[in-house]
Amino acid sequence: MTTTLKNKTPQRKCIGCNESKPKKELIRIVRTPEGEMLLDSTGRANGRGAYICNNIDCLQKAIKTKGLNRAFKMNVDTDVLLK
């Protein structure tokens, strides 16, 4: 039972719609060790990260269900993310 690693693509779960999608289709939001929130275009920024789909519906759903607060283990200022 061997599987080839060539065909595997990294999967991540959107915190808004809760669907697993290829990592490249999602946007990574990071909370840095200093507590700053930023979008991580490289996927390598230091800090706690969460993934979300590239549409406003998923962001609004994550805010409504407090998915951002759960993912970052803190209260997130959602006004900053909506801009």
Protein backbone atom coordinates (compact mmCIF):
# COMPACT_ATOMS: atom_id res chain seq x y z
CA MET A 1 0.00 0.00 0.00
CA THR A 2 2.24 2.73 -1.25
CA THR A 3 0.99 6.05 -2.50
CA THR A 4 2.89 8.39 -4.72
CA LEU A 5 3.47 11.87 -3.40
CA LYS A 6 3.52 13.35 -6.90
CA ASN A 7 -0.27 13.36 -7.22
CA LYS A 8 -1.04 14.77 -3.79
CA THR A 9 -1.85 18.44 -3.52
CA PRO A 10 -1.95 20.11 -0.10
CA GLN A 11 -5.54 20.58 1.09
CA ARG A 12 -6.73 23.21 3.57
CA LYS A 13 -10.15 23.91 5.04
CA CYS A 14 -11.84 27.28 4.60
CA ILE A 15 -12.94 28.75 7.94
CA GLY A 16 -15.99 30.28 6.26
CA CYS A 17 -17.63 27.53 4.21
CA ASN A 18 -15.77 24.66 5.95
CA GLU A 19 -14.87 23.01 2.62
CA SER A 20 -11.50 21.42 1.92
CA LYS A 21 -9.85 22.89 -1.16
CA PRO A 22 -6.37 22.94 -2.67
CA LYS A 23 -4.11 25.26 -0.72
CA LYS A 24 -3.40 27.42 -3.79
CA GLU A 25 -7.11 28.30 -4.16
CA LEU A 26 -7.34 29.78 -0.66
CA ILE A 27 -6.04 32.95 0.97
CA ARG A 28 -4.01 32.67 4.17
CA ILE A 29 -4.67 35.12 6.99
CA VAL A 30 -1.97 35.28 9.66
CA ARG A 31 -1.84 36.55 13.22
CA THR A 32 1.79 37.47 13.85
CA PRO A 33 3.41 36.90 17.26
CA GLU A 34 2.96 40.65 17.85
CA GLY A 35 -0.82 40.27 17.39
CA GLU A 36 -1.01 41.96 13.98
CA MET A 37 -3.36 40.51 11.34
CA LEU A 38 -2.17 40.33 7.73
CA LEU A 39 -2.77 38.54 4.45
CA ASP A 40 0.02 36.11 3.64
CA SER A 41 0.60 35.92 -0.09
CA THR A 42 3.70 33.74 0.29
CA GLY A 43 2.18 31.15 2.63
CA ARG A 44 5.29 31.30 4.78
CA ALA A 45 4.72 34.21 7.15
CA ASN A 46 5.52 33.50 10.78
CA GLY A 47 2.47 33.21 13.02
CA ARG A 48 -0.83 31.42 13.41
CA GLY A 49 -2.60 31.03 10.07
CA ALA A 50 -6.09 30.31 8.81
CA TYR A 51 -7.34 29.80 5.28
CA ILE A 52 -10.38 31.33 3.61
CA CYS A 53 -11.87 31.24 0.10
CA ASN A 54 -11.31 34.19 -2.19
CA ASN A 55 -14.87 35.53 -1.94
CA ILE A 56 -16.69 37.92 0.37
CA ASP A 57 -19.40 35.37 1.25
CA CYS A 58 -16.92 33.11 3.03
CA LEU A 59 -15.42 36.04 4.92
CA GLN A 60 -18.85 37.21 6.07
CA LYS A 61 -19.77 33.67 7.10
CA ALA A 62 -16.50 33.31 9.06
CA ILE A 63 -17.27 36.57 10.87
CA LYS A 64 -20.87 35.57 11.59
CA THR A 65 -19.97 32.12 12.93
CA LYS A 66 -16.90 33.49 14.78
CA GLY A 67 -14.64 31.20 12.79
CA LEU A 68 -11.89 33.84 12.82
CA ASN A 69 -12.02 34.08 16.61
CA ARG A 70 -11.74 30.28 16.91
CA ALA A 71 -8.94 29.99 14.39
CA PHE A 72 -6.82 32.69 16.01
CA LYS A 73 -7.85 31.97 19.62
CA MET A 74 -8.63 35.65 20.23
CA ASN A 75 -11.23 38.30 19.43
CA VAL A 76 -10.52 39.54 15.92
CA ASP A 77 -11.33 43.12 14.84
CA THR A 78 -13.37 42.28 11.75
CA ASP A 79 -13.54 45.90 10.53
CA VAL A 80 -9.88 45.68 9.53
CA LEU A 81 -10.48 42.55 7.44
CA LEU A 82 -13.54 43.92 5.63
CA LYS A 83 -11.56 46.85 4.19
